[in-house]
Amino acid sequence: MRHEPCVIILDDEWDYDFVESVLNEMMERCNVHHFTDVDGAVDFIESVSRVDLVLTGWEIGGELLLKKLRSHPRYRTTPVIVMPENQSDNLLAAAVRANANDILPKPFTARQLHDKLDAFVMRLNRRRTERVKPDRQMLVHVPLRGVYVFKLELVDISMVGCNVRAPFKLSGMVNIYDNVHLTIAYESDHMKIQAQLIRLDYDPFEGDEKHIMIAFRFLDIEDESRERLQQMITDFWKTAQD
């Protein structure tokens, strides 16, 4: 099941039909949440596990929303684009101080919005498909033949798949296109994922061929596990950037 990006729009004076159309076109479907008051937006971000992008008016309380986002551990690096009624040097300085990522003065066209969002959407899509290494040793539990449960080392992971390192003896117990149920333990959670084995090869880091590398493509992820998986990957990206 695909991770759909979560987008927040905070503004009370703009027709956002074309904005949602641009977002859905660029992100191949996303969840857009439109708020007309800053308190509603703040309550929402505190109730969810992730926000991928924020578009906010300035006069409506954009500065307060930015402060709330940047003070929250989960949203310190969430992209925020400010949409002011007027662009002035004072507003620009205030937005920079509040750690806004960019400014898009109103009124703007669909083309201008597309151009402004392009870099952010590319980064979001890259994070979805490009695998990141875990910041700690992690195990993936893989049941085989209804009897054995192997604990395999997680090498890297994304929202669409993962690579694991396995003992060589496993090569005789699995086949390409096998469907398996993976369990990934992260902190106190256990994520349940249905996956398909798509590649099996010698571990390039093992000269003695004691291990193999297995690549899985994720087929279906339980809703709760999907949210936790996204948060885990975000945590790994932040660690990689530090």
C-alpha atoms as a PDB file:
ATOM      1  CA  MET A   1       0.000   0.000   0.000  1.00  0.00           C
ATOM      2  CA  ARG A   2       1.421   3.369  -1.060  1.00  0.00           C
ATOM      3  CA  HIS A   3       2.314   6.100   1.392  1.00  0.00           C
ATOM      4  CA  GLU A   4       0.234   9.181   0.483  1.00  0.00           C
ATOM      5  CA  PRO A   5       1.943  12.481   1.404  1.00  0.00           C
ATOM      6  CA  CYS A   6       0.196  14.636   4.004  1.00  0.00           C
ATOM      7  CA  VAL A   7      -0.115  18.324   3.051  1.00  0.00           C
ATOM      8  CA  ILE A   8      -1.451  21.141   5.240  1.00  0.00           C
ATOM      9  CA  ILE A   9      -2.839  24.383   3.805  1.00  0.00           C
ATOM     10  CA  LEU A  10      -3.541  27.239   6.219  1.00  0.00           C
ATOM     11  CA  ASP A  11      -5.374  30.157   4.605  1.00  0.00           C
ATOM     12  CA  ASP A  12      -8.833  31.729   4.570  1.00  0.00           C
ATOM     13  CA  GLU A  13      -8.888  33.869   1.420  1.00  0.00           C
ATOM     14  CA  TRP A  14      -7.929  31.640  -1.486  1.00  0.00           C
ATOM     15  CA  ASP A  15      -9.561  29.195  -3.860  1.00  0.00           C
ATOM     16  CA  TYR A  16      -7.508  26.016  -3.470  1.00  0.00           C
ATOM     17  CA  ASP A  17      -9.129  23.791  -6.070  1.00  0.00           C
ATOM     18  CA  PHE A  18      -6.267  24.341  -8.505  1.00  0.00           C
ATOM     19  CA  VAL A  19      -3.729  24.040  -5.662  1.00  0.00           C
ATOM     20  CA  GLU A  20      -4.997  20.568  -4.789  1.00  0.00           C
ATOM     21  CA  SER A  21      -4.981  19.634  -8.479  1.00  0.00           C
ATOM     22  CA  VAL A  22      -1.317  20.654  -8.785  1.00  0.00           C
ATOM     23  CA  LEU A  23      -0.387  18.792  -5.602  1.00  0.00           C
ATOM     24  CA  ASN A  24      -2.158  15.616  -6.688  1.00  0.00           C
ATOM     25  CA  GLU A  25      -0.593  15.798 -10.133  1.00  0.00           C
ATOM     26  CA  MET A  26       2.935  16.236  -8.781  1.00  0.00           C
ATOM     27  CA  MET A  27       2.627  13.727  -5.949  1.00  0.00           C
ATOM     28  CA  GLU A  28       0.430  11.175  -7.733  1.00  0.00           C
ATOM     29  CA  ARG A  29      -2.251  11.603  -5.056  1.00  0.00           C
ATOM     30  CA  CYS A  30      -1.914  13.108  -1.599  1.00  0.00           C
ATOM     31  CA  ASN A  31      -3.993  13.926   1.462  1.00  0.00           C
ATOM     32  CA  VAL A  32      -4.633  17.682   1.606  1.00  0.00           C
ATOM     33  CA  HIS A  33      -5.950  19.186   4.850  1.00  0.00           C
ATOM     34  CA  HIS A  34      -7.205  22.788   4.537  1.00  0.00           C
ATOM     35  CA  PHE A  35      -7.565  24.963   7.644  1.00  0.00           C
ATOM     36  CA  THR A  36      -8.876  28.516   7.976  1.00  0.00           C
ATOM     37  CA  ASP A  37      -7.531  29.123  11.484  1.00  0.00           C
ATOM     38  CA  VAL A  38      -4.131  28.495  12.998  1.00  0.00           C
ATOM     39  CA  ASP A  39      -5.487  26.702  16.080  1.00  0.00           C
ATOM     40  CA  GLY A  40      -7.103  24.034  13.925  1.00  0.00           C
ATOM     41  CA  ALA A  41      -3.858  23.513  12.005  1.00  0.00           C
ATOM     42  CA  VAL A  42      -1.812  23.283  15.220  1.00  0.00           C
ATOM     43  CA  ASP A  43      -4.242  20.784  16.751  1.00  0.00           C
ATOM     44  CA  PHE A  44      -3.974  18.661  13.604  1.00  0.00           C
ATOM     45  CA  ILE A  45      -0.170  18.531  13.460  1.00  0.00           C
ATOM     46  CA  GLU A  46      -0.074  17.503  17.104  1.00  0.00           C
ATOM     47  CA  SER A  47      -2.533  14.648  16.441  1.00  0.00           C
ATOM     48  CA  VAL A  48      -0.743  13.007  13.498  1.00  0.00           C
ATOM     49  CA  SER A  49       2.603  11.251  13.142  1.00  0.00           C
ATOM     50  CA  ARG A  50       3.837  13.110  10.069  1.00  0.00           C
ATOM     51  CA  VAL A  51       3.305  16.130   7.829  1.00  0.00           C
ATOM     52  CA  ASP A  52       5.170  16.206   4.507  1.00  0.00           C
ATOM     53  CA  LEU A  53       4.506  19.763   3.308  1.00  0.00           C
ATOM     54  CA  VAL A  54       2.909  22.965   4.637  1.00  0.00           C
ATOM     55  CA  LEU A  55       1.517  25.888   2.626  1.00  0.00           C
ATOM     56  CA  THR A  56       0.509  28.767   4.884  1.00  0.00           C
ATOM     57  CA  GLY A  57      -0.704  32.312   4.632  1.00  0.00           C
ATOM     58  CA  TRP A  58       1.273  34.744   6.748  1.00  0.00           C
ATOM     59  CA  GLU A  59      -1.336  37.187   7.996  1.00  0.00           C
ATOM     60  CA  ILE A  60      -3.609  34.378   9.231  1.00  0.00           C
ATOM     61  CA  GLY A  61      -1.010  33.140  11.726  1.00  0.00           C
ATOM     62  CA  GLY A  62       1.711  31.646   9.571  1.00  0.00           C
ATOM     63  CA  GLU A  63       4.454  32.820  11.910  1.00  0.00           C
ATOM     64  CA  LEU A  64       2.832  31.081  14.877  1.00  0.00           C
ATOM     65  CA  LEU A  65       2.349  27.883  12.860  1.00  0.00           C
ATOM     66  CA  LEU A  66       6.011  27.945  11.848  1.00  0.00           C
ATOM     67  CA  LYS A  67       7.117  28.357  15.454  1.00  0.00           C
ATOM     68  CA  LYS A  68       4.946  25.416  16.489  1.00  0.00           C
ATOM     69  CA  LEU A  69       6.338  23.262  13.685  1.00  0.00           C
ATOM     70  CA  ARG A  70       9.993  24.118  14.291  1.00  0.00           C
ATOM     71  CA  SER A  71       9.682  23.491  18.024  1.00  0.00           C
ATOM     72  CA  HIS A  72       8.265  19.993  17.418  1.00  0.00           C
ATOM     73  CA  PRO A  73      10.855  17.184  17.028  1.00  0.00           C
ATOM     74  CA  ARG A  74       8.947  15.605  14.133  1.00  0.00           C
ATOM     75  CA  TYR A  75       8.527  18.779  12.090  1.00  0.00           C
ATOM     76  CA  ARG A  76      11.784  20.668  12.415  1.00  0.00           C
ATOM     77  CA  THR A  77      12.678  19.917   8.793  1.00  0.00           C
ATOM     78  CA  THR A  78       9.177  19.770   7.253  1.00  0.00           C
ATOM     79  CA  PRO A  79       9.106  22.040   4.157  1.00  0.00           C
ATOM     80  CA  VAL A  80       7.025  25.176   4.719  1.00  0.00           C
ATOM     81  CA  ILE A  81       6.088  27.642   1.973  1.00  0.00           C
ATOM     82  CA  VAL A  82       4.669  30.990   3.102  1.00  0.00           C
ATOM     83  CA  MET A  83       1.973  32.612   0.928  1.00  0.00           C
ATOM     84  CA  PRO A  84       1.774  36.293   1.982  1.00  0.00           C
ATOM     85  CA  GLU A  85      -0.648  38.927   0.692  1.00  0.00           C
ATOM     86  CA  ASN A  86       2.291  41.231   0.053  1.00  0.00           C
ATOM     87  CA  GLN A  87       6.013  40.615  -0.103  1.00  0.00           C
ATOM     88  CA  SER A  88       8.076  43.118   1.871  1.00  0.00           C
ATOM     89  CA  ASP A  89      11.577  43.175   3.304  1.00  0.00           C
ATOM     90  CA  ASN A  90      10.187  42.986   6.849  1.00  0.00           C
ATOM     91  CA  LEU A  91       8.014  39.974   6.015  1.00  0.00           C
ATOM     92  CA  LEU A  92      10.899  38.270   4.245  1.00  0.00           C
ATOM     93  CA  ALA A  93      13.132  38.769   7.280  1.00  0.00           C
ATOM     94  CA  ALA A  94      10.436  37.490   9.650  1.00  0.00           C
ATOM     95  CA  ALA A  95       9.835  34.393   7.511  1.00  0.00           C
ATOM     96  CA  VAL A  96      13.566  33.647   7.414  1.00  0.00           C
ATOM     97  CA  ARG A  97      13.801  34.038  11.190  1.00  0.00           C
ATOM     98  CA  ALA A  98      10.880  31.616  11.565  1.00  0.00           C
ATOM     99  CA  ASN A  99      12.715  29.062   9.334  1.00  0.00           C
ATOM    100  CA  ALA A 100      10.351  29.127   6.346  1.00  0.00           C
ATOM    101  CA  ASN A 101      11.726  27.265   3.338  1.00  0.00           C
ATOM    102  CA  ASP A 102      10.321  29.548   0.645  1.00  0.00           C
ATOM    103  CA  ILE A 103       7.850  32.346  -0.129  1.00  0.00           C
ATOM    104  CA  LEU A 104       5.133  32.419  -2.808  1.00  0.00           C
ATOM    105  CA  PRO A 105       3.245  35.755  -2.799  1.00  0.00           C
ATOM    106  CA  LYS A 106      -0.450  35.742  -3.714  1.00  0.00           C
ATOM    107  CA  PRO A 107      -1.990  35.720  -6.195  1.00  0.00           C
ATOM    108  CA  PHE A 108      -0.055  32.990  -7.983  1.00  0.00           C
ATOM    109  CA  THR A 109      -0.743  30.719 -10.926  1.00  0.00           C
ATOM    110  CA  ALA A 110      -0.690  26.932 -11.162  1.00  0.00           C
ATOM    111  CA  ARG A 111       2.567  27.186 -13.129  1.00  0.00           C
ATOM    112  CA  GLN A 112       4.192  29.316 -10.421  1.00  0.00           C
ATOM    113  CA  LEU A 113       3.056  26.875  -7.728  1.00  0.00           C
ATOM    114  CA  HIS A 114       4.370  23.920  -9.729  1.00  0.00           C
ATOM    115  CA  ASP A 115       7.766  25.574 -10.161  1.00  0.00           C
ATOM    116  CA  LYS A 116       7.955  26.442  -6.467  1.00  0.00           C
ATOM    117  CA  LEU A 117       7.014  22.937  -5.332  1.00  0.00           C
ATOM    118  CA  ASP A 118       9.242  21.080  -7.775  1.00  0.00           C
ATOM    119  CA  ALA A 119      12.328  20.789  -5.553  1.00  0.00           C
ATOM    120  CA  PHE A 120      10.306  19.816  -2.476  1.00  0.00           C
ATOM    121  CA  VAL A 121       8.327  17.135  -4.314  1.00  0.00           C
ATOM    122  CA  MET A 122      11.503  15.698  -5.852  1.00  0.00           C
ATOM    123  CA  ARG A 123      12.991  15.391  -2.379  1.00  0.00           C
ATOM    124  CA  LEU A 124       9.814  13.805  -1.021  1.00  0.00           C
ATOM    125  CA  ASN A 125       9.675  11.271  -3.864  1.00  0.00           C
ATOM    126  CA  ARG A 126      13.370  10.505  -3.445  1.00  0.00           C
ATOM    127  CA  ARG A 127      12.845   9.776   0.224  1.00  0.00           C
ATOM    128  CA  ARG A 128      10.006   7.429  -0.641  1.00  0.00           C
ATOM    129  CA  THR A 129      11.932   5.365  -3.183  1.00  0.00           C
ATOM    130  CA  GLU A 130      15.601   5.821  -2.245  1.00  0.00           C
ATOM    131  CA  ARG A 131      16.635   3.474   0.505  1.00  0.00           C
ATOM    132  CA  VAL A 132      18.282   4.712   3.665  1.00  0.00           C
ATOM    133  CA  LYS A 133      20.518   2.766   6.028  1.00  0.00           C
ATOM    134  CA  PRO A 134      19.268   2.242   9.596  1.00  0.00           C
ATOM    135  CA  ASP A 135      21.039   4.179  12.327  1.00  0.00           C
ATOM    136  CA  ARG A 136      21.291   1.042  14.479  1.00  0.00           C
ATOM    137  CA  GLN A 137      21.448  -2.725  14.048  1.00  0.00           C
ATOM    138  CA  MET A 138      17.978  -3.962  13.183  1.00  0.00           C
ATOM    139  CA  LEU A 139      16.492  -7.372  12.456  1.00  0.00           C
ATOM    140  CA  VAL A 140      13.749  -8.394  10.054  1.00  0.00           C
ATOM    141  CA  HIS A 141      11.790 -11.490  11.095  1.00  0.00           C
ATOM    142  CA  VAL A 142      10.958 -13.687   8.094  1.00  0.00           C
ATOM    143  CA  PRO A 143       8.864 -16.866   8.551  1.00  0.00           C
ATOM    144  CA  LEU A 144       9.562 -19.588   5.979  1.00  0.00           C
ATOM    145  CA  ARG A 145       7.729 -22.818   5.231  1.00  0.00           C
ATOM    146  CA  GLY A 146       5.449 -22.215   8.169  1.00  0.00           C
ATOM    147  CA  VAL A 147       8.067 -23.499  10.613  1.00  0.00           C
ATOM    148  CA  TYR A 148      11.231 -21.429  10.666  1.00  0.00           C
ATOM    149  CA  VAL A 149      11.465 -17.758  11.595  1.00  0.00           C
ATOM    150  CA  PHE A 150      14.741 -16.246  10.446  1.00  0.00           C
ATOM    151  CA  LYS A 151      16.071 -13.037  11.952  1.00  0.00           C
ATOM    152  CA  LEU A 152      17.844 -11.230   9.127  1.00  0.00           C
ATOM    153  CA  GLU A 153      19.941  -8.073   9.309  1.00  0.00           C
ATOM    154  CA  LEU A 154      18.297  -4.996   7.774  1.00  0.00           C
ATOM    155  CA  VAL A 155      20.745  -3.326   5.359  1.00  0.00           C
ATOM    156  CA  ASP A 156      18.579  -0.476   3.988  1.00  0.00           C
ATOM    157  CA  ILE A 157      14.907   0.397   3.604  1.00  0.00           C
ATOM    158  CA  SER A 158      12.404   2.715   1.901  1.00  0.00           C
ATOM    159  CA  MET A 159       8.614   2.947   1.724  1.00  0.00           C
ATOM    160  CA  VAL A 160       8.635   0.525  -1.214  1.00  0.00           C
ATOM    161  CA  GLY A 161      11.126  -2.149  -0.175  1.00  0.00           C
ATOM    162  CA  CYS A 162      14.229  -3.221   1.719  1.00  0.00           C
ATOM    163  CA  ASN A 163      17.464  -5.192   1.490  1.00  0.00           C
ATOM    164  CA  VAL A 164      18.491  -7.742   4.122  1.00  0.00           C
ATOM    165  CA  ARG A 165      21.634  -9.779   4.737  1.00  0.00           C
ATOM    166  CA  ALA A 166      20.999 -13.489   5.229  1.00  0.00           C
ATOM    167  CA  PRO A 167      23.078 -16.618   5.874  1.00  0.00           C
ATOM    168  CA  PHE A 168      24.018 -18.502   2.725  1.00  0.00           C
ATOM    169  CA  LYS A 169      21.985 -21.580   3.723  1.00  0.00           C
ATOM    170  CA  LEU A 170      18.828 -19.551   3.181  1.00  0.00           C
ATOM    171  CA  SER A 171      19.467 -19.495  -0.585  1.00  0.00           C
ATOM    172  CA  GLY A 172      18.142 -23.056  -0.837  1.00  0.00           C
ATOM    173  CA  MET A 173      14.941 -22.209   1.030  1.00  0.00           C
ATOM    174  CA  VAL A 174      13.653 -19.225  -0.943  1.00  0.00           C
ATOM    175  CA  ASN A 175      12.870 -18.406  -4.559  1.00  0.00           C
ATOM    176  CA  ILE A 176      12.415 -15.261  -6.605  1.00  0.00           C
ATOM    177  CA  TYR A 177       8.814 -13.968  -6.387  1.00  0.00           C
ATOM    178  CA  ASP A 178       8.119 -15.745  -3.100  1.00  0.00           C
ATOM    179  CA  ASN A 179       5.591 -13.795  -1.010  1.00  0.00           C
ATOM    180  CA  VAL A 180       6.423 -13.511   2.685  1.00  0.00           C
ATOM    181  CA  HIS A 181       5.201 -11.673   5.767  1.00  0.00           C
ATOM    182  CA  LEU A 182       7.938  -9.526   7.289  1.00  0.00           C
ATOM    183  CA  THR A 183       8.021  -8.189  10.822  1.00  0.00           C
ATOM    184  CA  ILE A 184      10.345  -5.265  11.548  1.00  0.00           C
ATOM    185  CA  ALA A 185      10.929  -4.338  15.177  1.00  0.00           C
ATOM    186  CA  TYR A 186      11.589  -0.652  15.855  1.00  0.00           C
ATOM    187  CA  GLU A 187      11.750   0.581  19.430  1.00  0.00           C
ATOM    188  CA  SER A 188       8.575  -0.809  21.040  1.00  0.00           C
ATOM    189  CA  ASP A 189       6.667  -1.343  17.769  1.00  0.00           C
ATOM    190  CA  HIS A 190       6.460  -4.285  15.392  1.00  0.00           C
ATOM    191  CA  MET A 191       5.626  -3.394  11.789  1.00  0.00           C
ATOM    192  CA  LYS A 192       3.791  -6.023   9.733  1.00  0.00           C
ATOM    193  CA  ILE A 193       4.524  -5.978   6.004  1.00  0.00           C
ATOM    194  CA  GLN A 194       3.560  -8.323   3.182  1.00  0.00           C
ATOM    195  CA  ALA A 195       6.439  -8.446   0.707  1.00  0.00           C
ATOM    196  CA  GLN A 196       7.745 -10.208  -2.375  1.00  0.00           C
ATOM    197  CA  LEU A 197      11.301 -11.447  -2.837  1.00  0.00           C
ATOM    198  CA  ILE A 198      12.594  -9.810  -6.036  1.00  0.00           C
ATOM    199  CA  ARG A 199      16.351 -10.364  -5.936  1.00  0.00           C
ATOM    200  CA  LEU A 200      18.798 -12.816  -4.375  1.00  0.00           C
ATOM    201  CA  ASP A 201      22.547 -12.475  -4.782  1.00  0.00           C
ATOM    202  CA  TYR A 202      25.887 -12.978  -3.063  1.00  0.00           C
ATOM    203  CA  ASP A 203      26.711 -10.341  -0.482  1.00  0.00           C
ATOM    204  CA  PRO A 204      29.249  -8.053  -2.208  1.00  0.00           C
ATOM    205  CA  PHE A 205      30.808  -7.240   1.170  1.00  0.00           C
ATOM    206  CA  GLU A 206      31.482 -10.888   2.015  1.00  0.00           C
ATOM    207  CA  GLY A 207      34.411 -12.368   0.083  1.00  0.00           C
ATOM    208  CA  ASP A 208      33.933 -15.838   1.545  1.00  0.00           C
ATOM    209  CA  GLU A 209      30.324 -16.102   0.337  1.00  0.00           C
ATOM    210  CA  LYS A 210      28.943 -16.877   3.792  1.00  0.00           C
ATOM    211  CA  HIS A 211      26.039 -14.509   3.280  1.00  0.00           C
ATOM    212  CA  ILE A 212      23.581 -13.482   0.589  1.00  0.00           C
ATOM    213  CA  MET A 213      21.662 -10.271  -0.035  1.00  0.00           C
ATOM    214  CA  ILE A 214      17.897 -10.459  -0.437  1.00  0.00           C
ATOM    215  CA  ALA A 215      15.782  -7.637  -1.841  1.00  0.00           C
ATOM    216  CA  PHE A 216      12.083  -7.401  -0.936  1.00  0.00           C
ATOM    217  CA  ARG A 217       9.406  -5.296  -2.589  1.00  0.00           C
ATOM    218  CA  PHE A 218       6.610  -4.259  -0.242  1.00  0.00           C
ATOM    219  CA  LEU A 219       3.159  -5.345  -1.412  1.00  0.00           C
ATOM    220  CA  ASP A 220       0.913  -4.339   1.473  1.00  0.00           C
ATOM    221  CA  ILE A 221       1.481  -2.576   4.790  1.00  0.00           C
ATOM    222  CA  GLU A 222      -1.032  -2.355   7.614  1.00  0.00           C
ATOM    223  CA  ASP A 223      -2.168   1.242   8.212  1.00  0.00           C
ATOM    224  CA  GLU A 224      -0.627   1.511  11.668  1.00  0.00           C
ATOM    225  CA  SER A 225       2.596  -0.115  10.494  1.00  0.00           C
ATOM    226  CA  ARG A 226       2.765   2.200   7.478  1.00  0.00           C
ATOM    227  CA  GLU A 227       2.648   5.284   9.712  1.00  0.00           C
ATOM    228  CA  ARG A 228       5.376   3.888  11.939  1.00  0.00           C
ATOM    229  CA  LEU A 229       7.497   2.853   8.962  1.00  0.00           C
ATOM    230  CA  GLN A 230       7.320   6.379   7.565  1.00  0.00           C
ATOM    231  CA  GLN A 231       8.382   7.818  10.907  1.00  0.00           C
ATOM    232  CA  MET A 232      11.256   5.346  11.200  1.00  0.00           C
ATOM    233  CA  ILE A 233      12.544   6.225   7.724  1.00  0.00           C
ATOM    234  CA  THR A 234      12.256   9.930   8.516  1.00  0.00           C
ATOM    235  CA  ASP A 235      14.301   9.368  11.674  1.00  0.00           C
ATOM    236  CA  PHE A 236      16.978   7.551   9.672  1.00  0.00           C
ATOM    237  CA  TRP A 237      17.133  10.369   7.113  1.00  0.00           C
ATOM    238  CA  LYS A 238      17.557  12.963   9.849  1.00  0.00           C
ATOM    239  CA  THR A 239      20.376  10.932  11.395  1.00  0.00           C
ATOM    240  CA  ALA A 240      22.040  10.591   7.975  1.00  0.00           C
ATOM    241  CA  GLN A 241      21.899  14.370   7.469  1.00  0.00           C
ATOM    242  CA  ASP A 242      23.378  15.243  10.875  1.00  0.00           C
END
